[in-house]
Amino acid sequence: MLQEFFQLIIEATGGVDDDPDFSPLEKDFQVLSTSTSTSMNIVNTQITRTKQWRLTLMPVNAGNLVIPAISFGRDKSPQTSLTVIQAGNATPGQDSLDIFIDVEAVPVSAYVQSEVIYTVKLYRAVATSNETLSEPDVSQGSAIIELLDADRSYDTFVQGRRYAVFERSYAIYPQVSGNLLIGPARFQGQLSAASPFSLDPFGPGGRTIVRQSEAVELQVDPVPAAYRDGHWLPAKDIKLTEKWSKDPLDLLPNEPVTRTITLAAQGLTASQLPEIQEVLPPGFRQYPDQPELENRKTAEGITGVRQQKNAIIPARPGEYTLPEISLPWWNTETQTLEYAVLPERRVQVTAAAPDATIDTPLFPAPAIDTPVQEQATPETEETTAGATDASPGISIWQWLTCLLAVAWLATLVYVLKNRNSSRAKSPPSQAENARETRKALERACRDDDPERAKTALLQWARIRPQGSPASSLGDLEKQVDEKLAAEIRNLSRRLYSRSAEPWRGEPLRQAFLQEEKSSAVETTSERGKLEPLYRL
């Protein structure tokens, strides 16, 4: 029967002249498998060797077919004939009507790189085991085939007969225009001895059968002339959305914020989607991350999703406008050119509040002249009064004045001693902190660790004698020489983007040491100057 396979066995006793040539069989038959075996018999010291070739064939045409002679070099196998009948001419009850395959492709006319849903349905009215169902095979043209996660099993009736249906779908994307030919889907399985679906419980069982569908031919059209510019995107629907890690109307200078743009296209895979180009105002720095790609599969097809994250760092306060993002695409359902649009976005950068400063010293120095004046006035008054009264000896006010003077002198000596001691101890403590910070930065650079390098740089910015304290790498970048500023920008780029390229810390270490040498020269030139009386 057509679409039913059989086995052709060729056996040779003794040696043959050469390997067999089975190509003449491909005219009327499909060769499903080939196997060989060799045996040896010894009878009365006579050794006989036998080699056997076993081929599984399935006829591709109906009628009286001829199995041609197979050449083994100069040796040939005998020719034989075979009768193949159509499945439609089979009598009721034959298993050709118990199992069949139906295929469907939507749409049958598609654009190049657009999505075609190819569905295979296997109908079985008898129980089978050891089943296999072939994958789609493109025999003409070129296409990318994706299996959809939507296998279904259900029961249905065809012409009053109950069938168990297995359904599987694929998304096919033609790559060149012209005709695309998808070969027949083929099923192979073994009939069970007793079938719960068959009307005849005593029917044939245990046989292996093969069924295949018709081939499907598609017409693939080129890119339409109306689509003149932009990346070719034939889809059912495309959407652009955005998300911010912080309110874009409440940004701070030199503070990073992440903008996530998502492109979702129904009817395309994620690999077909282009990169979204963002245009930022002057002074803005951006560090793009690696895009995240995802294919969301359903019974209706594939929705490709491309997600791009971009770390944006504004430089100066003000109000800015990020321009509109427009992406052209071709609607395969309406056959029209459309645009996916992300509207322009207003961004507000607010100046950071200045750090609170202490205008008065925490421990003010004692006023030396004031106590003397306060004590001198009463002493003069009391002495004059004593002279007027002409009292003999030293008055009580003179004793009190002496005691207060001694106490004040002792206090002054104590304060000056502690002040000189703290001045002597402060420089070594600051130098020790600078050495520890320098060692931490050098270790981070040797280990190529950007996070530790950032921490050490900011610690150094707080304790260094030159410049104002920096709270971010952006602030520090403005206060150092160009070489170190360039390496700080490279460090920021690595920190704010998850790039696969590793960061090298040696250039930053060299630039930092050069900056330290320049700072040491400036510090030496200022030594010897007296410190202010009040340290702010």
Protein backbone atom coordinates (compact mmCIF):
# COMPACT_ATOMS: atom_id res chain seq x y z
CA MET A 1 0.00 0.00 0.00
CA LEU A 2 1.18 3.54 -0.70
CA GLN A 3 2.89 5.11 2.36
CA GLU A 4 3.51 1.63 3.82
CA PHE A 5 7.07 0.43 4.09
CA PHE A 6 8.52 -3.03 3.43
CA GLN A 7 11.92 -4.72 3.66
CA LEU A 8 14.12 -5.72 0.74
CA ILE A 9 16.70 -8.40 1.67
CA ILE A 10 19.66 -9.13 -0.63
CA GLU A 11 21.89 -12.07 0.29
CA ALA A 12 25.23 -13.06 -1.24
CA THR A 13 27.08 -16.33 -0.69
CA GLY A 14 30.78 -15.95 -0.99
CA GLY A 15 32.47 -12.68 -1.86
CA VAL A 16 31.09 -9.94 -4.13
CA ASP A 17 33.07 -7.81 -6.54
CA ASP A 18 32.42 -4.41 -4.85
CA ASP A 19 30.17 -2.45 -2.48
CA PRO A 20 26.54 -2.19 -3.60
CA ASP A 21 25.04 0.86 -5.37
CA PHE A 22 21.47 1.43 -4.13
CA SER A 23 20.88 4.73 -6.00
CA PRO A 24 18.56 3.13 -8.67
CA LEU A 25 16.02 2.46 -5.89
CA GLU A 26 15.50 6.22 -5.28
CA LYS A 27 13.41 6.58 -8.44
CA ASP A 28 10.29 4.90 -6.98
CA PHE A 29 11.20 4.26 -3.36
CA GLN A 30 12.38 6.12 -0.28
CA VAL A 31 15.23 4.33 1.53
CA LEU A 32 14.44 4.62 5.24
CA SER A 33 17.29 2.49 6.63
CA THR A 34 20.08 0.12 5.59
CA SER A 35 21.82 -2.57 7.64
CA THR A 36 24.28 -5.41 6.92
CA SER A 37 25.14 -8.70 8.62
CA THR A 38 27.65 -11.49 7.98
CA SER A 39 27.50 -15.17 8.94
CA MET A 40 29.81 -18.18 8.50
CA ASN A 41 28.93 -21.91 8.36
CA ILE A 42 31.36 -24.86 8.58
CA VAL A 43 30.12 -28.22 7.25
CA ASN A 44 32.62 -31.07 6.82
CA THR A 45 35.52 -28.64 6.83
CA GLN A 46 33.76 -26.59 4.15
CA ILE A 47 33.48 -22.92 5.13
CA THR A 48 30.62 -20.91 3.70
CA ARG A 49 30.38 -17.13 4.21
CA THR A 50 27.10 -15.30 3.70
CA LYS A 51 26.56 -11.52 3.71
CA GLN A 52 23.12 -9.94 3.93
CA TRP A 53 21.89 -6.39 3.14
CA ARG A 54 18.53 -5.43 4.67
CA LEU A 55 16.86 -2.25 3.35
CA THR A 56 13.64 -0.62 4.61
CA LEU A 57 11.83 0.95 1.64
CA MET A 58 8.63 2.95 1.21
CA PRO A 59 7.10 3.46 -2.25
CA VAL A 60 6.54 7.05 -3.36
CA ASN A 61 4.30 6.13 -6.33
CA ALA A 62 1.39 3.74 -6.85
CA GLY A 63 1.19 1.11 -9.59
CA ASN A 64 3.28 -1.83 -10.77
CA LEU A 65 6.80 -0.92 -9.73
CA VAL A 66 10.06 -2.64 -10.56
CA ILE A 67 12.79 -3.20 -7.98
CA PRO A 68 15.84 -2.85 -10.25
CA ALA A 69 18.94 -4.99 -10.20
CA ILE A 70 21.56 -3.72 -7.73
CA SER A 71 25.16 -3.64 -8.91
CA PHE A 72 27.92 -5.05 -6.68
CA GLY A 73 30.74 -4.15 -9.05
CA ARG A 74 30.43 -6.72 -11.85
CA ASP A 75 27.98 -8.74 -9.77
CA LYS A 76 24.26 -7.90 -9.85
CA SER A 77 21.20 -8.90 -7.84
CA PRO A 78 18.08 -10.20 -9.64
CA GLN A 79 15.30 -7.82 -10.64
CA THR A 80 11.83 -8.18 -9.10
CA SER A 81 8.43 -6.41 -9.24
CA LEU A 82 5.99 -4.98 -6.67
CA THR A 83 2.38 -3.78 -6.79
CA VAL A 84 1.52 -0.62 -4.84
CA ILE A 85 -2.12 0.46 -4.37
CA GLN A 86 -3.54 3.87 -3.35
CA ALA A 87 -4.77 4.26 0.20
CA GLY A 88 -8.11 5.55 -1.08
CA ASN A 89 -8.67 2.28 -2.96
CA ALA A 90 -8.20 0.18 0.15
CA THR A 91 -11.16 -1.70 1.51
CA PRO A 92 -12.80 -0.56 4.80
CA GLY A 93 -11.05 -1.82 7.90
CA GLN A 94 -7.53 -1.61 6.50
CA ASP A 95 -5.11 0.26 8.72
CA SER A 96 -4.40 2.90 6.01
CA LEU A 97 -7.64 4.57 7.07
CA ASP A 98 -6.89 4.14 10.76
CA ILE A 99 -3.87 6.50 10.76
CA PHE A 100 -3.25 9.59 8.63
CA ILE A 101 -1.45 12.98 8.86
CA ASP A 102 -2.76 16.42 8.03
CA VAL A 103 -0.48 19.52 7.70
CA GLU A 104 -1.29 23.22 7.38
CA ALA A 105 0.80 26.37 6.83
CA VAL A 106 -0.55 29.89 7.57
CA PRO A 107 -0.09 32.06 5.60
CA VAL A 108 0.76 30.29 2.34
CA SER A 109 2.13 33.57 0.96
CA ALA A 110 4.57 35.38 3.27
CA TYR A 111 7.33 37.98 3.23
CA VAL A 112 10.98 37.06 3.59
CA GLN A 113 11.94 36.68 7.31
CA SER A 114 8.27 36.84 8.39
CA GLU A 115 6.60 34.16 10.49
CA VAL A 116 4.68 31.18 9.08
CA ILE A 117 2.87 28.83 11.48
CA TYR A 118 3.23 25.22 10.31
CA THR A 119 0.93 22.73 12.10
CA VAL A 120 1.11 18.92 11.96
CA LYS A 121 -1.90 16.84 13.06
CA LEU A 122 -1.61 13.06 13.51
CA TYR A 123 -4.97 11.18 13.47
CA ARG A 124 -5.10 7.68 14.98
CA ALA A 125 -8.13 5.42 15.22
CA VAL A 126 -5.97 2.55 16.49
CA ALA A 127 -3.51 2.33 19.35
CA THR A 128 0.19 2.48 18.50
CA SER A 129 3.49 2.27 20.33
CA ASN A 130 7.11 3.24 19.65
CA GLU A 131 5.92 6.25 17.66
CA THR A 132 8.16 8.80 15.94
CA LEU A 133 7.08 11.95 14.12
CA SER A 134 9.57 13.64 11.81
CA GLU A 135 10.56 17.30 11.98
CA PRO A 136 9.77 19.67 9.08
CA ASP A 137 12.34 19.40 6.31
CA VAL A 138 12.86 22.24 3.81
CA SER A 139 13.70 20.61 0.47
CA GLN A 140 13.64 23.83 -1.58
CA GLY A 141 14.60 27.32 -0.41
CA SER A 142 16.01 28.32 2.98
CA ALA A 143 14.26 28.82 6.31
CA ILE A 144 14.78 28.91 10.08
CA ILE A 145 12.44 26.55 11.99
CA GLU A 146 11.51 26.98 15.68
CA LEU A 147 9.44 24.43 17.63
CA LEU A 148 6.57 26.06 19.55
CA ASP A 149 5.84 24.94 23.12
CA ALA A 150 2.24 24.05 22.36
CA ASP A 151 1.81 20.29 21.78
CA ARG A 152 -1.85 19.31 22.10
CA SER A 153 -3.71 16.00 22.40
CA TYR A 154 -7.48 15.70 22.00
CA ASP A 155 -10.23 13.54 20.45
CA THR A 156 -12.32 14.37 17.40
CA PHE A 157 -14.65 12.70 14.87
CA VAL A 158 -13.96 12.45 11.15
CA GLN A 159 -16.86 11.17 9.00
CA GLY A 160 -18.44 9.67 12.09
CA ARG A 161 -15.30 7.88 13.25
CA ARG A 162 -13.48 8.73 16.49
CA TYR A 163 -9.79 9.66 16.27
CA ALA A 164 -7.14 10.56 18.85
CA VAL A 165 -5.31 13.66 17.52
CA PHE A 166 -1.78 14.75 18.35
CA GLU A 167 -1.03 18.33 17.23
CA ARG A 168 2.37 20.02 17.01
CA SER A 169 3.19 23.51 15.71
CA TYR A 170 6.31 25.22 14.36
CA ALA A 171 7.29 28.79 13.50
CA ILE A 172 9.04 28.96 10.12
CA TYR A 173 10.96 32.05 8.96
CA PRO A 174 11.85 32.01 5.21
CA GLN A 175 15.26 33.51 4.53
CA VAL A 176 15.12 34.04 0.75
CA SER A 177 12.32 35.05 -1.61
CA GLY A 178 10.84 32.60 -4.08
CA ASN A 179 9.28 29.17 -3.56
CA LEU A 180 9.74 27.37 -0.24
CA LEU A 181 8.98 23.63 -0.26
CA ILE A 182 8.45 21.82 3.05
CA GLY A 183 8.75 18.05 2.65
CA PRO A 184 6.14 15.58 3.92
CA ALA A 185 5.81 14.91 7.65
CA ARG A 186 6.36 11.21 8.37
CA PHE A 187 5.00 9.05 11.19
CA GLN A 188 6.36 5.64 12.14
CA GLY A 189 4.88 3.40 14.82
CA GLN A 190 3.90 -0.13 15.74
CA LEU A 191 0.30 -1.25 15.85
CA SER A 192 -0.82 -2.61 19.20
CA ALA A 193 -2.32 -6.10 19.33
CA ALA A 194 -5.58 -4.76 20.79
CA SER A 195 -6.68 -1.17 20.21
CA PRO A 196 -9.17 0.71 22.41
CA PHE A 197 -9.99 2.91 19.40
CA SER A 198 -10.41 0.25 16.72
CA LEU A 199 -13.83 -1.11 15.84
CA ASP A 200 -12.24 -4.47 15.12
CA PRO A 201 -10.55 -5.80 18.31
CA PHE A 202 -9.33 -8.83 16.38
CA GLY A 203 -7.66 -6.75 13.66
CA PRO A 204 -3.98 -6.90 12.73
CA GLY A 205 -1.51 -5.96 15.41
CA GLY A 206 2.18 -5.81 16.12
CA ARG A 207 3.13 -4.51 12.63
CA THR A 208 5.24 -1.42 12.08
CA ILE A 209 3.64 1.09 9.76
CA VAL A 210 4.73 4.40 8.24
CA ARG A 211 2.48 7.28 7.21
CA GLN A 212 3.41 10.61 5.68
CA SER A 213 1.61 13.82 4.74
CA GLU A 214 1.59 15.86 1.58
CA ALA A 215 4.36 18.38 0.92
CA VAL A 216 3.60 22.08 1.44
CA GLU A 217 4.74 24.81 -0.94
CA LEU A 218 4.90 28.49 0.13
CA GLN A 219 5.31 31.67 -1.89
CA VAL A 220 7.89 33.98 -0.29
CA ASP A 221 7.74 37.66 -1.32
CA PRO A 222 10.71 40.09 -1.10
CA VAL A 223 10.83 43.27 1.00
CA PRO A 224 8.10 45.61 -0.35
CA ALA A 225 9.17 48.75 -2.21
CA ALA A 226 7.25 50.95 0.27
CA TYR A 227 9.76 49.92 2.98
CA ARG A 228 12.75 52.02 1.95
CA ASP A 229 14.75 52.61 5.13
CA GLY A 230 15.32 51.09 8.54
CA HIS A 231 15.83 47.55 9.74
CA TRP A 232 13.38 45.13 8.01
CA LEU A 233 10.84 44.08 10.67
CA PRO A 234 7.82 42.12 9.33
CA ALA A 235 5.59 41.47 12.37
CA LYS A 236 2.01 41.29 13.61
CA ASP A 237 2.60 43.92 16.32
CA ILE A 238 5.56 45.84 17.81
CA LYS A 239 5.65 47.89 21.04
CA LEU A 240 8.30 50.13 22.66
CA THR A 241 8.22 50.77 26.43
CA GLU A 242 10.60 52.31 28.97
CA LYS A 243 11.26 52.12 32.72
CA TRP A 244 13.44 54.30 34.99
CA SER A 245 15.20 53.27 38.20
CA LYS A 246 14.47 56.77 39.56
CA ASP A 247 11.98 59.55 38.77
CA PRO A 248 13.49 61.34 35.71
CA LEU A 249 12.16 64.66 37.09
CA ASP A 250 14.27 64.31 40.26
CA LEU A 251 17.84 63.58 39.14
CA LEU A 252 21.11 64.79 40.65
CA PRO A 253 24.35 65.79 38.88
CA ASN A 254 26.93 62.99 38.59
CA GLU A 255 24.46 60.46 40.04
CA PRO A 256 23.75 57.47 37.75
CA VAL A 257 20.19 56.46 36.81
CA THR A 258 19.20 53.40 34.77
CA ARG A 259 16.84 53.68 31.81
CA THR A 260 15.44 50.35 30.55
CA ILE A 261 13.94 50.24 27.04
CA THR A 262 11.97 47.11 26.03
CA LEU A 263 11.17 46.20 22.41
CA ALA A 264 8.55 43.43 22.00
CA ALA A 265 7.68 42.12 18.50
CA GLN A 266 4.90 39.59 17.89
CA GLY A 267 5.89 37.36 14.98
CA LEU A 268 9.68 37.82 15.23
CA THR A 269 12.46 36.20 17.23
CA ALA A 270 14.61 38.24 19.61
CA SER A 271 17.66 37.78 17.38
CA GLN A 272 15.87 39.65 14.57
CA LEU A 273 15.35 42.81 16.65
CA PRO A 274 17.74 45.77 16.18
CA GLU A 275 19.60 47.79 18.79
CA ILE A 276 17.69 50.86 20.04
CA GLN A 277 19.71 54.03 19.49
CA GLU A 278 19.39 56.61 22.29
CA VAL A 279 20.35 60.27 21.72
CA LEU A 280 21.26 62.20 24.90
CA PRO A 281 21.78 65.93 25.45
CA PRO A 282 25.36 67.31 25.54
CA GLY A 283 27.11 66.72 28.85
CA PHE A 284 25.29 63.44 29.58
CA ARG A 285 27.38 60.29 29.86
CA GLN A 286 25.91 56.86 29.16
CA TYR A 287 27.16 53.31 29.78
CA PRO A 288 25.05 50.69 27.93
CA ASP A 289 24.65 47.21 29.40
CA GLN A 290 24.53 43.94 27.47
CA PRO A 291 21.00 43.47 26.00
CA GLU A 292 18.76 40.70 27.32
CA LEU A 293 17.01 38.58 24.64
CA GLU A 294 13.96 36.38 25.19
CA ASN A 295 11.60 34.36 22.95
CA ARG A 296 8.09 33.94 24.36
CA LYS A 297 6.45 31.00 22.61
CA THR A 298 2.72 30.32 22.39
CA ALA A 299 0.41 28.39 20.04
CA GLU A 300 0.00 31.63 18.00
CA GLY A 301 3.74 32.04 17.41
CA ILE A 302 6.81 33.70 18.91
CA THR A 303 7.06 37.12 20.52
CA GLY A 304 10.68 38.29 20.55
CA VAL A 305 11.72 40.63 23.39
CA ARG A 306 14.88 42.75 23.48
CA GLN A 307 15.61 44.65 26.72
CA GLN A 308 18.33 47.30 26.83
CA LYS A 309 19.60 48.93 30.04
CA ASN A 310 21.57 52.17 29.87
CA ALA A 311 23.24 53.88 32.85
CA ILE A 312 22.89 57.64 32.35
CA ILE A 313 24.90 60.23 34.32
CA PRO A 314 23.82 63.89 33.96
CA ALA A 315 26.61 66.46 34.33
CA ARG A 316 24.93 69.77 35.16
CA PRO A 317 21.67 70.92 36.73
CA GLY A 318 18.89 71.98 34.39
CA GLU A 319 15.87 70.81 32.43
CA TYR A 320 16.52 68.60 29.41
CA THR A 321 14.46 66.73 26.80
CA LEU A 322 15.38 63.25 25.55
CA PRO A 323 14.24 63.02 21.91
CA GLU A 324 11.54 60.69 20.64
CA ILE A 325 12.56 57.17 19.52
CA SER A 326 10.78 55.96 16.37
CA LEU A 327 11.16 52.47 14.88
CA PRO A 328 9.63 51.56 11.46
CA TRP A 329 8.09 48.10 10.97
CA TRP A 330 5.87 46.29 8.45
CA ASN A 331 2.45 45.08 9.58
CA THR A 332 2.02 41.65 7.95
CA GLU A 333 -1.72 41.59 8.72
CA THR A 334 -2.66 45.00 7.24
CA GLN A 335 0.23 45.09 4.68
CA THR A 336 1.15 48.65 5.75
CA LEU A 337 4.19 50.53 7.05
CA GLU A 338 3.86 51.53 10.72
CA TYR A 339 6.04 53.05 13.46
CA ALA A 340 6.62 52.01 17.07
CA VAL A 341 7.15 55.25 18.99
CA LEU A 342 8.60 56.04 22.42
CA PRO A 343 7.58 59.67 23.15
CA GLU A 344 10.13 62.31 24.10
CA ARG A 345 10.99 62.39 27.79
CA ARG A 346 11.53 65.51 29.95
CA VAL A 347 14.38 65.17 32.46
CA GLN A 348 14.96 67.51 35.42
CA VAL A 349 18.43 67.62 37.03
CA THR A 350 18.41 69.42 40.40
CA ALA A 351 21.53 70.86 42.00
CA ALA A 352 22.62 68.88 45.04
CA ALA A 353 22.20 70.57 48.42
CA PRO A 354 25.56 71.90 49.74
CA ASP A 355 27.13 70.02 52.62
CA ALA A 356 26.51 71.56 56.06
CA THR A 357 29.62 73.33 57.41
CA ILE A 358 30.57 74.28 60.98
CA ASP A 359 31.30 78.01 61.25
CA THR A 360 32.51 77.98 64.88
CA PRO A 361 35.32 75.86 66.36
CA LEU A 362 34.30 72.87 68.43
CA PHE A 363 36.86 73.78 71.14
CA PRO A 364 37.52 77.57 70.98
CA ALA A 365 40.88 78.81 72.19
CA PRO A 366 40.75 80.74 75.45
CA ALA A 367 40.73 84.56 75.20
CA ILE A 368 43.99 85.58 76.87
CA ASP A 369 43.40 89.33 77.30
CA THR A 370 39.81 89.25 78.52
CA PRO A 371 40.36 87.63 81.97
CA VAL A 372 43.19 90.12 82.77
CA GLN A 373 40.95 93.08 82.09
CA GLU A 374 38.10 91.59 84.11
CA GLN A 375 40.38 91.01 87.13
CA ALA A 376 42.29 94.28 86.89
CA THR A 377 39.30 96.51 87.34
CA PRO A 378 38.12 95.08 90.72
CA GLU A 379 41.71 94.96 92.01
CA THR A 380 42.25 98.64 91.28
CA GLU A 381 38.96 99.61 92.83
CA GLU A 382 39.54 97.58 96.00
CA THR A 383 43.11 98.80 96.42
CA THR A 384 42.00 102.38 96.15
CA ALA A 385 39.27 101.80 98.66
CA GLY A 386 41.73 100.15 101.07
CA ALA A 387 44.09 103.10 100.84
CA THR A 388 41.31 105.49 101.54
CA ASP A 389 40.31 103.53 104.63
CA ALA A 390 43.96 103.25 105.67
CA SER A 391 43.42 99.69 106.93
CA PRO A 392 46.64 97.93 108.00
CA GLY A 393 47.83 94.70 106.11
CA ILE A 394 46.59 93.07 102.83
CA SER A 395 42.84 93.07 102.16
CA ILE A 396 40.79 89.94 101.34
CA TRP A 397 40.23 91.17 97.78
CA GLN A 398 43.96 91.15 97.15
CA TRP A 399 44.15 87.51 98.29
CA LEU A 400 41.26 86.56 96.00
CA THR A 401 42.87 88.35 93.11
CA CYS A 402 46.10 86.43 93.55
CA LEU A 403 44.32 83.08 93.70
CA LEU A 404 42.35 83.82 90.55
CA ALA A 405 45.49 84.90 88.74
CA VAL A 406 47.29 81.66 89.70
CA ALA A 407 44.29 79.56 88.62
CA TRP A 408 44.08 81.40 85.30
CA LEU A 409 47.82 80.88 84.65
CA ALA A 410 47.52 77.16 85.44
CA THR A 411 44.58 76.87 83.04
CA LEU A 412 46.46 78.71 80.31
CA VAL A 413 49.51 76.44 80.68
CA TYR A 414 47.27 73.31 80.52
CA VAL A 415 45.42 74.47 77.38
CA LEU A 416 48.60 75.47 75.57
CA LYS A 417 50.26 72.17 76.44
CA ASN A 418 47.31 70.08 75.14
CA ARG A 419 47.08 72.22 72.03
CA ASN A 420 50.75 71.73 71.20
CA SER A 421 50.42 67.99 71.89
CA SER A 422 47.44 67.61 69.52
CA ARG A 423 49.32 69.56 66.83
CA ALA A 424 52.26 67.21 67.20
CA LYS A 425 50.10 64.07 66.95
CA SER A 426 47.76 65.13 64.11
CA PRO A 427 50.19 64.99 61.17
CA PRO A 428 51.38 61.44 61.86
CA SER A 429 47.75 60.21 62.09
CA GLN A 430 46.83 61.85 58.78
CA ALA A 431 49.94 60.49 57.10
CA GLU A 432 49.17 57.00 58.39
CA ASN A 433 45.65 57.19 56.95
CA ALA A 434 47.04 58.33 53.61
CA ARG A 435 49.49 55.40 53.53
CA GLU A 436 46.74 52.87 54.29
CA THR A 437 44.47 54.36 51.62
CA ARG A 438 47.30 54.29 49.07
CA LYS A 439 48.02 50.62 49.84
CA ALA A 440 44.32 49.72 49.55
CA LEU A 441 44.10 51.39 46.12
CA GLU A 442 47.26 49.69 44.87
CA ARG A 443 45.98 46.28 46.01
CA ALA A 444 42.64 46.87 44.27
CA CYS A 445 44.44 47.86 41.05
CA ARG A 446 46.73 44.81 41.19
CA ASP A 447 43.67 42.56 41.71
CA ASP A 448 41.75 44.36 38.90
CA ASP A 449 38.84 44.93 41.31
CA PRO A 450 36.84 48.05 40.22
CA GLU A 451 34.57 48.15 43.30
CA ARG A 452 37.47 48.22 45.77
CA ALA A 453 39.29 50.77 43.61
CA LYS A 454 36.26 53.07 43.73
CA THR A 455 36.06 52.79 47.55
CA ALA A 456 39.76 53.55 47.97
CA LEU A 457 39.62 56.53 45.58
CA LEU A 458 36.72 58.14 47.45
CA GLN A 459 38.51 57.58 50.80
CA TRP A 460 41.63 59.24 49.37
CA ALA A 461 39.51 62.17 48.12
CA ARG A 462 38.28 62.82 51.67
CA ILE A 463 41.70 62.93 53.36
CA ARG A 464 43.97 64.45 50.69
CA PRO A 465 45.32 67.94 51.56
CA GLN A 466 44.46 69.54 48.17
CA GLY A 467 40.98 70.16 46.75
CA SER A 468 37.57 70.00 48.34
CA PRO A 469 36.10 66.68 49.56
CA ALA A 470 34.52 64.66 46.70
CA SER A 471 31.43 62.54 47.31
CA SER A 472 31.44 60.81 43.89
CA LEU A 473 33.83 59.80 41.14
CA GLY A 474 32.36 62.54 38.96
CA ASP A 475 33.33 65.22 41.51
CA LEU A 476 36.82 63.78 41.94
CA GLU A 477 37.31 63.66 38.16
CA LYS A 478 37.05 67.46 38.00
CA GLN A 479 39.77 68.03 40.65
CA VAL A 480 42.62 65.88 39.36
CA ASP A 481 44.90 66.03 36.33
CA GLU A 482 43.75 64.84 32.91
CA LYS A 483 45.53 61.47 33.04
CA LEU A 484 43.91 60.42 36.33
CA ALA A 485 40.56 61.91 35.21
CA ALA A 486 40.63 59.71 32.09
CA GLU A 487 41.27 56.59 34.19
CA ILE A 488 38.43 57.57 36.58
CA ARG A 489 36.10 57.81 33.56
CA ASN A 490 37.18 54.32 32.45
CA LEU A 491 36.50 53.02 35.97
CA SER A 492 33.01 54.62 35.97
CA ARG A 493 32.24 53.06 32.58
CA ARG A 494 33.17 49.62 33.91
CA LEU A 495 31.16 50.10 37.14
CA TYR A 496 27.96 51.25 35.45
CA SER A 497 27.87 48.70 32.62
CA ARG A 498 28.02 44.90 32.89
CA SER A 499 30.47 44.58 30.06
CA ALA A 500 32.18 41.24 29.51
CA GLU A 501 35.51 43.04 28.94
CA PRO A 502 37.65 42.86 32.13
CA TRP A 503 38.90 46.05 33.80
CA ARG A 504 42.67 46.57 34.16
CA GLY A 505 43.78 48.51 37.22
CA GLU A 506 47.45 49.13 36.34
CA PRO A 507 46.80 52.34 34.29
CA LEU A 508 44.79 53.78 37.20
CA ARG A 509 47.58 52.94 39.66
CA GLN A 510 50.20 54.68 37.49
CA ALA A 511 47.99 57.77 37.07
CA PHE A 512 47.30 57.86 40.81
CA LEU A 513 51.00 57.69 41.74
CA GLN A 514 51.74 60.54 39.32
CA GLU A 515 48.98 62.61 40.93
CA GLU A 516 50.42 61.84 44.39
CA LYS A 517 53.86 63.09 43.31
CA SER A 518 52.39 66.35 42.02
CA SER A 519 50.41 66.82 45.24
CA ALA A 520 53.53 66.17 47.37
CA VAL A 521 55.41 68.99 45.60
CA GLU A 522 52.58 71.43 46.29
CA THR A 523 52.36 70.35 49.95
CA THR A 524 56.12 70.81 50.50
CA SER A 525 56.02 74.36 49.17
CA GLU A 526 53.42 75.28 51.77
CA ARG A 527 55.24 73.81 54.78
CA GLY A 528 56.54 76.27 57.37
CA LYS A 529 53.43 78.43 57.30
CA LEU A 530 51.83 79.02 60.68
CA GLU A 531 48.46 77.38 61.22
CA PRO A 532 45.54 79.73 61.83
CA LEU A 533 44.64 80.42 65.45
CA TYR A 534 41.16 79.00 64.82
CA ARG A 535 41.06 75.74 62.84
CA LEU A 536 37.77 75.58 60.90
